[in-house]
Amino acid sequence: MMGKVVEEGTGTAAALEGISVGGKTGTAEVGHSCPNQVWFIAFAPAHDPKVAIAVTIECSAGTGGDVAAPIAKNVMQELLK
């Protein structure tokens, strides 16, 4: 299921070319002075994980898929070189 989040769901911004990724996005409403706490957790390769990551961003107007997933992608790319 977490693979589908990255393949065709809310976490497509974390997809890596040629490497399967499992992940989950999250967006929590915090309050008036801070709109959202967004996050993305992931592991790769999905069927034999070598890396796992959690990215969380405070006070974001975006969503976990839009803001945190691209950051996770960049970090995983570096770790899996």
PDB file of N, CA and C in Angstrom:
ATOM      1  N   MET A   1       0.813  -1.193   0.000  1.00  0.00           N
ATOM      2  CA  MET A   1       0.000   0.000   0.000  1.00  0.00           C
ATOM      3  C   MET A   1       0.864   1.267   0.000  1.00  0.00           C
ATOM      4  N   MET A   2       1.953   1.259   0.745  1.00  0.00           N
ATOM      5  CA  MET A   2       2.796   2.452   0.804  1.00  0.00           C
ATOM      6  C   MET A   2       3.512   2.678  -0.527  1.00  0.00           C
ATOM      7  N   GLY A   3       3.740   1.620  -1.282  1.00  0.00           N
ATOM      8  CA  GLY A   3       4.301   1.774  -2.617  1.00  0.00           C
ATOM      9  C   GLY A   3       3.337   2.494  -3.545  1.00  0.00           C
ATOM     10  N   LYS A   4       2.063   2.204  -3.404  1.00  0.00           N
ATOM     11  CA  LYS A   4       1.043   2.845  -4.245  1.00  0.00           C
ATOM     12  C   LYS A   4       0.932   4.340  -3.953  1.00  0.00           C
ATOM     13  N   VAL A   5       1.209   4.755  -2.713  1.00  0.00           N
ATOM     14  CA  VAL A   5       1.183   6.177  -2.367  1.00  0.00           C
ATOM     15  C   VAL A   5       2.181   6.938  -3.235  1.00  0.00           C
ATOM     16  N   VAL A   6       3.345   6.339  -3.452  1.00  0.00           N
ATOM     17  CA  VAL A   6       4.386   6.996  -4.246  1.00  0.00           C
ATOM     18  C   VAL A   6       4.171   6.766  -5.742  1.00  0.00           C
ATOM     19  N   GLU A   7       3.656   5.612  -6.110  1.00  0.00           N
ATOM     20  CA  GLU A   7       3.426   5.322  -7.529  1.00  0.00           C
ATOM     21  C   GLU A   7       2.292   6.149  -8.125  1.00  0.00           C
ATOM     22  N   GLU A   8       1.198   6.286  -7.373  1.00  0.00           N
ATOM     23  CA  GLU A   8       0.027   6.929  -7.973  1.00  0.00           C
ATOM     24  C   GLU A   8      -0.831   7.726  -6.997  1.00  0.00           C
ATOM     25  N   GLY A   9      -0.341   7.946  -5.802  1.00  0.00           N
ATOM     26  CA  GLY A   9      -1.140   8.648  -4.796  1.00  0.00           C
ATOM     27  C   GLY A   9      -0.604  10.023  -4.471  1.00  0.00           C
ATOM     28  N   THR A  10      -0.682  10.377  -3.205  1.00  0.00           N
ATOM     29  CA  THR A  10      -0.306  11.717  -2.757  1.00  0.00           C
ATOM     30  C   THR A  10       1.199  11.919  -2.636  1.00  0.00           C
ATOM     31  N   GLY A  11       1.989  10.849  -2.770  1.00  0.00           N
ATOM     32  CA  GLY A  11       3.437  10.960  -2.615  1.00  0.00           C
ATOM     33  C   GLY A  11       4.231  10.814  -3.890  1.00  0.00           C
ATOM     34  N   THR A  12       3.634  11.074  -5.030  1.00  0.00           N
ATOM     35  CA  THR A  12       4.338  10.882  -6.304  1.00  0.00           C
ATOM     36  C   THR A  12       5.574  11.768  -6.436  1.00  0.00           C
ATOM     37  N   ALA A  13       5.642  12.855  -5.705  1.00  0.00           N
ATOM     38  CA  ALA A  13       6.805  13.745  -5.770  1.00  0.00           C
ATOM     39  C   ALA A  13       8.053  13.112  -5.161  1.00  0.00           C
ATOM     40  N   ALA A  14       7.905  11.948  -4.517  1.00  0.00           N
ATOM     41  CA  ALA A  14       9.049  11.252  -3.922  1.00  0.00           C
ATOM     42  C   ALA A  14       9.533  10.091  -4.785  1.00  0.00           C
ATOM     43  N   ALA A  15       8.933   9.885  -5.938  1.00  0.00           N
ATOM     44  CA  ALA A  15       9.309   8.762  -6.791  1.00  0.00           C
ATOM     45  C   ALA A  15      10.748   8.891  -7.281  1.00  0.00           C
ATOM     46  N   LEU A  16      11.470   7.791  -7.254  1.00  0.00           N
ATOM     47  CA  LEU A  16      12.842   7.732  -7.747  1.00  0.00           C
ATOM     48  C   LEU A  16      12.890   6.905  -9.015  1.00  0.00           C
ATOM     49  N   GLU A  17      13.648   7.348  -9.986  1.00  0.00           N
ATOM     50  CA  GLU A  17      13.752   6.625 -11.248  1.00  0.00           C
ATOM     51  C   GLU A  17      14.474   5.297 -11.022  1.00  0.00           C
ATOM     52  N   GLY A  18      13.799   4.206 -11.352  1.00  0.00           N
ATOM     53  CA  GLY A  18      14.398   2.884 -11.274  1.00  0.00           C
ATOM     54  C   GLY A  18      14.462   2.268  -9.888  1.00  0.00           C
ATOM     55  N   ILE A  19      13.940   2.947  -8.866  1.00  0.00           N
ATOM     56  CA  ILE A  19      13.961   2.428  -7.498  1.00  0.00           C
ATOM     57  C   ILE A  19      12.552   2.550  -6.922  1.00  0.00           C
ATOM     58  N   SER A  20      12.021   1.443  -6.416  1.00  0.00           N
ATOM     59  CA  SER A  20      10.689   1.491  -5.814  1.00  0.00           C
ATOM     60  C   SER A  20      10.775   2.146  -4.431  1.00  0.00           C
ATOM     61  N   VAL A  21       9.784   2.976  -4.131  1.00  0.00           N
ATOM     62  CA  VAL A  21       9.748   3.712  -2.871  1.00  0.00           C
ATOM     63  C   VAL A  21       8.395   3.480  -2.209  1.00  0.00           C
ATOM     64  N   GLY A  22       8.409   3.242  -0.913  1.00  0.00           N
ATOM     65  CA  GLY A  22       7.181   3.193  -0.129  1.00  0.00           C
ATOM     66  C   GLY A  22       7.115   4.450   0.702  1.00  0.00           C
ATOM     67  N   GLY A  23       5.937   5.034   0.851  1.00  0.00           N
ATOM     68  CA  GLY A  23       5.853   6.266   1.627  1.00  0.00           C
ATOM     69  C   GLY A  23       4.447   6.588   2.066  1.00  0.00           C
ATOM     70  N   LYS A  24       4.357   7.605   2.929  1.00  0.00           N
ATOM     71  CA  LYS A  24       3.068   8.073   3.434  1.00  0.00           C
ATOM     72  C   LYS A  24       3.154   9.567   3.687  1.00  0.00           C
ATOM     73  N   THR A  25       2.195  10.301   3.170  1.00  0.00           N
ATOM     74  CA  THR A  25       2.129  11.747   3.390  1.00  0.00           C
ATOM     75  C   THR A  25       1.237  12.052   4.584  1.00  0.00           C
ATOM     76  N   GLY A  26       1.412  13.251   5.116  1.00  0.00           N
ATOM     77  CA  GLY A  26       0.542  13.693   6.193  1.00  0.00           C
ATOM     78  C   GLY A  26       0.467  15.201   6.242  1.00  0.00           C
ATOM     79  N   THR A  27      -0.706  15.714   6.587  1.00  0.00           N
ATOM     80  CA  THR A  27      -0.920  17.141   6.740  1.00  0.00           C
ATOM     81  C   THR A  27      -1.840  17.335   7.934  1.00  0.00           C
ATOM     82  N   ALA A  28      -1.343  18.032   8.951  1.00  0.00           N
ATOM     83  CA  ALA A  28      -2.146  18.282  10.144  1.00  0.00           C
ATOM     84  C   ALA A  28      -2.395  19.780  10.281  1.00  0.00           C
ATOM     85  N   GLU A  29      -3.643  20.148  10.471  1.00  0.00           N
ATOM     86  CA  GLU A  29      -3.982  21.551  10.709  1.00  0.00           C
ATOM     87  C   GLU A  29      -3.554  21.910  12.126  1.00  0.00           C
ATOM     88  N   VAL A  30      -2.787  22.999  12.255  1.00  0.00           N
ATOM     89  CA  VAL A  30      -2.233  23.373  13.555  1.00  0.00           C
ATOM     90  C   VAL A  30      -3.002  24.527  14.193  1.00  0.00           C
ATOM     91  N   GLY A  31      -3.222  25.589  13.467  1.00  0.00           N
ATOM     92  CA  GLY A  31      -3.929  26.732  14.032  1.00  0.00           C
ATOM     93  C   GLY A  31      -3.785  27.955  13.172  1.00  0.00           C
ATOM     94  N   HIS A  32      -4.230  29.072  13.688  1.00  0.00           N
ATOM     95  CA  HIS A  32      -4.266  30.316  12.921  1.00  0.00           C
ATOM     96  C   HIS A  32      -2.887  30.871  12.596  1.00  0.00           C
ATOM     97  N   SER A  33      -1.973  30.883  13.552  1.00  0.00           N
ATOM     98  CA  SER A  33      -0.652  31.471  13.302  1.00  0.00           C
ATOM     99  C   SER A  33       0.268  30.525  12.534  1.00  0.00           C
ATOM    100  N   CYS A  34      -0.087  29.273  12.468  1.00  0.00           N
ATOM    101  CA  CYS A  34       0.725  28.260  11.787  1.00  0.00           C
ATOM    102  C   CYS A  34      -0.245  27.319  11.077  1.00  0.00           C
ATOM    103  N   PRO A  35      -0.396  27.453   9.765  1.00  0.00           N
ATOM    104  CA  PRO A  35      -1.469  26.716   9.076  1.00  0.00           C
ATOM    105  C   PRO A  35      -1.376  25.187   9.182  1.00  0.00           C
ATOM    106  N   ASN A  36      -0.248  24.596   8.776  1.00  0.00           N
ATOM    107  CA  ASN A  36      -0.149  23.126   8.741  1.00  0.00           C
ATOM    108  C   ASN A  36       1.208  22.623   9.200  1.00  0.00           C
ATOM    109  N   GLN A  37       1.204  21.439   9.772  1.00  0.00           N
ATOM    110  CA  GLN A  37       2.420  20.662  10.019  1.00  0.00           C
ATOM    111  C   GLN A  37       2.356  19.557   8.962  1.00  0.00           C
ATOM    112  N   VAL A  38       3.314  19.534   8.038  1.00  0.00           N
ATOM    113  CA  VAL A  38       3.279  18.549   6.958  1.00  0.00           C
ATOM    114  C   VAL A  38       4.434  17.570   7.128  1.00  0.00           C
ATOM    115  N   TRP A  39       4.236  16.346   6.651  1.00  0.00           N
ATOM    116  CA  TRP A  39       5.281  15.345   6.768  1.00  0.00           C
ATOM    117  C   TRP A  39       5.195  14.313   5.661  1.00  0.00           C
ATOM    118  N   PHE A  40       6.298  13.595   5.529  1.00  0.00           N
ATOM    119  CA  PHE A  40       6.369  12.468   4.602  1.00  0.00           C
ATOM    120  C   PHE A  40       7.371  11.479   5.172  1.00  0.00           C
ATOM    121  N   ILE A  41       6.970  10.230   5.269  1.00  0.00           N
ATOM    122  CA  ILE A  41       7.883   9.164   5.674  1.00  0.00           C
ATOM    123  C   ILE A  41       8.054   8.228   4.487  1.00  0.00           C
ATOM    124  N   ALA A  42       9.258   7.677   4.352  1.00  0.00           N
ATOM    125  CA  ALA A  42       9.516   6.818   3.195  1.00  0.00           C
ATOM    126  C   ALA A  42      10.637   5.838   3.474  1.00  0.00           C
ATOM    127  N   PHE A  43      10.669   4.799   2.642  1.00  0.00           N
ATOM    128  CA  PHE A  43      11.760   3.826   2.665  1.00  0.00           C
ATOM    129  C   PHE A  43      12.010   3.360   1.245  1.00  0.00           C
ATOM    130  N   ALA A  44      13.267   2.961   0.971  1.00  0.00           N
ATOM    131  CA  ALA A  44      13.620   2.529  -0.385  1.00  0.00           C
ATOM    132  C   ALA A  44      14.871   1.656  -0.330  1.00  0.00           C
ATOM    133  N   PRO A  45      15.020   0.761  -1.269  1.00  0.00           N
ATOM    134  CA  PRO A  45      14.004   0.215  -2.174  1.00  0.00           C
ATOM    135  C   PRO A  45      12.862  -0.448  -1.380  1.00  0.00           C
ATOM    136  N   ALA A  46      11.691  -0.353  -1.885  1.00  0.00           N
ATOM    137  CA  ALA A  46      10.502  -0.785  -1.146  1.00  0.00           C
ATOM    138  C   ALA A  46      10.543  -2.253  -0.736  1.00  0.00           C
ATOM    139  N   HIS A  47      11.090  -3.133  -1.568  1.00  0.00           N
ATOM    140  CA  HIS A  47      11.061  -4.561  -1.267  1.00  0.00           C
ATOM    141  C   HIS A  47      12.290  -5.048  -0.508  1.00  0.00           C
ATOM    142  N   ASP A  48      13.302  -4.212  -0.381  1.00  0.00           N
ATOM    143  CA  ASP A  48      14.518  -4.552   0.359  1.00  0.00           C
ATOM    144  C   ASP A  48      15.128  -3.237   0.862  1.00  0.00           C
ATOM    145  N   PRO A  49      14.474  -2.587   1.842  1.00  0.00           N
ATOM    146  CA  PRO A  49      14.872  -1.239   2.255  1.00  0.00           C
ATOM    147  C   PRO A  49      16.330  -1.117   2.714  1.00  0.00           C
ATOM    148  N   LYS A  50      16.969  -0.084   2.213  1.00  0.00           N
ATOM    149  CA  LYS A  50      18.327   0.279   2.611  1.00  0.00           C
ATOM    150  C   LYS A  50      18.323   1.614   3.350  1.00  0.00           C
ATOM    151  N   VAL A  51      17.322   2.458   3.090  1.00  0.00           N
ATOM    152  CA  VAL A  51      17.189   3.750   3.751  1.00  0.00           C
ATOM    153  C   VAL A  51      15.742   3.976   4.184  1.00  0.00           C
ATOM    154  N   ALA A  52      15.606   4.736   5.252  1.00  0.00           N
ATOM    155  CA  ALA A  52      14.289   5.190   5.715  1.00  0.00           C
ATOM    156  C   ALA A  52      14.445   6.650   6.119  1.00  0.00           C
ATOM    157  N   ILE A  53      13.409   7.423   5.886  1.00  0.00           N
ATOM    158  CA  ILE A  53      13.491   8.859   6.144  1.00  0.00           C
ATOM    159  C   ILE A  53      12.145   9.377   6.629  1.00  0.00           C
ATOM    160  N   ALA A  54      12.214  10.402   7.472  1.00  0.00           N
ATOM    161  CA  ALA A  54      11.024  11.139   7.888  1.00  0.00           C
ATOM    162  C   ALA A  54      11.338  12.622   7.721  1.00  0.00           C
ATOM    163  N   VAL A  55      10.483  13.320   6.999  1.00  0.00           N
ATOM    164  CA  VAL A  55      10.631  14.761   6.791  1.00  0.00           C
ATOM    165  C   VAL A  55       9.393  15.426   7.379  1.00  0.00           C
ATOM    166  N   THR A  56       9.597  16.408   8.228  1.00  0.00           N
ATOM    167  CA  THR A  56       8.471  17.159   8.781  1.00  0.00           C
ATOM    168  C   THR A  56       8.776  18.653   8.691  1.00  0.00           C
ATOM    169  N   ILE A  57       7.794  19.403   8.290  1.00  0.00           N
ATOM    170  CA  ILE A  57       7.932  20.848   8.105  1.00  0.00           C
ATOM    171  C   ILE A  57       6.850  21.543   8.924  1.00  0.00           C
ATOM    172  N   GLU A  58       7.258  22.439   9.790  1.00  0.00           N
ATOM    173  CA  GLU A  58       6.301  23.201  10.592  1.00  0.00           C
ATOM    174  C   GLU A  58       5.840  24.443   9.839  1.00  0.00           C
ATOM    175  N   CYS A  59       4.636  24.847  10.100  1.00  0.00           N
ATOM    176  CA  CYS A  59       4.068  26.099   9.584  1.00  0.00           C
ATOM    177  C   CYS A  59       4.145  26.204   8.068  1.00  0.00           C
ATOM    178  N   SER A  60       3.602  25.230   7.390  1.00  0.00           N
ATOM    179  CA  SER A  60       3.589  25.229   5.932  1.00  0.00           C
ATOM    180  C   SER A  60       2.176  25.444   5.426  1.00  0.00           C
ATOM    181  N   ALA A  61       2.066  26.180   4.349  1.00  0.00           N
ATOM    182  CA  ALA A  61       0.759  26.368   3.723  1.00  0.00           C
ATOM    183  C   ALA A  61       0.439  25.212   2.780  1.00  0.00           C
ATOM    184  N   GLY A  62       1.418  24.333   2.527  1.00  0.00           N
ATOM    185  CA  GLY A  62       1.230  23.235   1.586  1.00  0.00           C
ATOM    186  C   GLY A  62       0.769  21.955   2.250  1.00  0.00           C
ATOM    187  N   THR A  63       1.018  20.845   1.560  1.00  0.00           N
ATOM    188  CA  THR A  63       0.670  19.519   2.055  1.00  0.00           C
ATOM    189  C   THR A  63       1.936  18.670   2.144  1.00  0.00           C
ATOM    190  N   GLY A  64       1.825  17.525   2.790  1.00  0.00           N
ATOM    191  CA  GLY A  64       2.965  16.624   2.885  1.00  0.00           C
ATOM    192  C   GLY A  64       3.471  16.174   1.525  1.00  0.00           C
ATOM    193  N   GLY A  65       2.558  15.925   0.611  1.00  0.00           N
ATOM    194  CA  GLY A  65       2.942  15.495  -0.733  1.00  0.00           C
ATOM    195  C   GLY A  65       3.609  16.591  -1.541  1.00  0.00           C
ATOM    196  N   ASP A  66       3.193  17.824  -1.339  1.00  0.00           N
ATOM    197  CA  ASP A  66       3.741  18.944  -2.108  1.00  0.00           C
ATOM    198  C   ASP A  66       5.045  19.495  -1.525  1.00  0.00           C
ATOM    199  N   VAL A  67       5.167  19.486  -0.205  1.00  0.00           N
ATOM    200  CA  VAL A  67       6.298  20.138   0.455  1.00  0.00           C
ATOM    201  C   VAL A  67       7.337  19.138   0.960  1.00  0.00           C
ATOM    202  N   ALA A  68       6.918  18.129   1.718  1.00  0.00           N
ATOM    203  CA  ALA A  68       7.862  17.215   2.362  1.00  0.00           C
ATOM    204  C   ALA A  68       8.345  16.092   1.439  1.00  0.00           C
ATOM    205  N   ALA A  69       7.494  15.581   0.561  1.00  0.00           N
ATOM    206  CA  ALA A  69       7.888  14.468  -0.315  1.00  0.00           C
ATOM    207  C   ALA A  69       9.055  14.811  -1.236  1.00  0.00           C
ATOM    208  N   PRO A  70       9.097  15.998  -1.855  1.00  0.00           N
ATOM    209  CA  PRO A  70      10.253  16.324  -2.696  1.00  0.00           C
ATOM    210  C   PRO A  70      11.570  16.390  -1.912  1.00  0.00           C
ATOM    211  N   ILE A  71      11.500  16.829  -0.660  1.00  0.00           N
ATOM    212  CA  ILE A  71      12.697  16.862   0.175  1.00  0.00           C
ATOM    213  C   ILE A  71      13.176  15.440   0.442  1.00  0.00           C
ATOM    214  N   ALA A  72      12.241  14.553   0.765  1.00  0.00           N
ATOM    215  CA  ALA A  72      12.585  13.153   1.000  1.00  0.00           C
ATOM    216  C   ALA A  72      13.218  12.535  -0.250  1.00  0.00           C
ATOM    217  N   LYS A  73      12.674  12.850  -1.413  1.00  0.00           N
ATOM    218  CA  LYS A  73      13.232  12.341  -2.670  1.00  0.00           C
ATOM    219  C   LYS A  73      14.693  12.749  -2.813  1.00  0.00           C
ATOM    220  N   ASN A  74      14.988  14.030  -2.602  1.00  0.00           N
ATOM    221  CA  ASN A  74      16.359  14.512  -2.754  1.00  0.00           C
ATOM    222  C   ASN A  74      17.316  13.821  -1.794  1.00  0.00           C
ATOM    223  N   VAL A  75      16.898  13.633  -0.557  1.00  0.00           N
ATOM    224  CA  VAL A  75      17.757  12.978   0.432  1.00  0.00           C
ATOM    225  C   VAL A  75      17.965  11.504   0.064  1.00  0.00           C
ATOM    226  N   MET A  76      16.889  10.812  -0.312  1.00  0.00           N
ATOM    227  CA  MET A  76      17.031   9.392  -0.687  1.00  0.00           C
ATOM    228  C   MET A  76      17.938   9.223  -1.902  1.00  0.00           C
ATOM    229  N   GLN A  77      17.826  10.117  -2.888  1.00  0.00           N
ATOM    230  CA  GLN A  77      18.703  10.040  -4.058  1.00  0.00           C
ATOM    231  C   GLN A  77      20.160  10.089  -3.639  1.00  0.00           C
ATOM    232  N   GLU A  78      20.493  10.977  -2.720  1.00  0.00           N
ATOM    233  CA  GLU A  78      21.874  11.102  -2.257  1.00  0.00           C
ATOM    234  C   GLU A  78      22.309   9.865  -1.476  1.00  0.00           C
ATOM    235  N   LEU A  79      21.439   9.375  -0.619  1.00  0.00           N
ATOM    236  CA  LEU A  79      21.784   8.216   0.208  1.00  0.00           C
ATOM    237  C   LEU A  79      21.958   6.938  -0.602  1.00  0.00           C
ATOM    238  N   LEU A  80      21.231   6.826  -1.698  1.00  0.00           N
ATOM    239  CA  LEU A  80      21.265   5.589  -2.497  1.00  0.00           C
ATOM    240  C   LEU A  80      22.260   5.627  -3.649  1.00  0.00           C
ATOM    241  N   LYS A  81      23.072   6.667  -3.722  1.00  0.00           N
ATOM    242  CA  LYS A  81      24.097   6.743  -4.799  1.00  0.00           C
ATOM    243  C   LYS A  81      25.106   5.636  -4.642  1.00  0.00           C
TER     244      LYS A  81
END
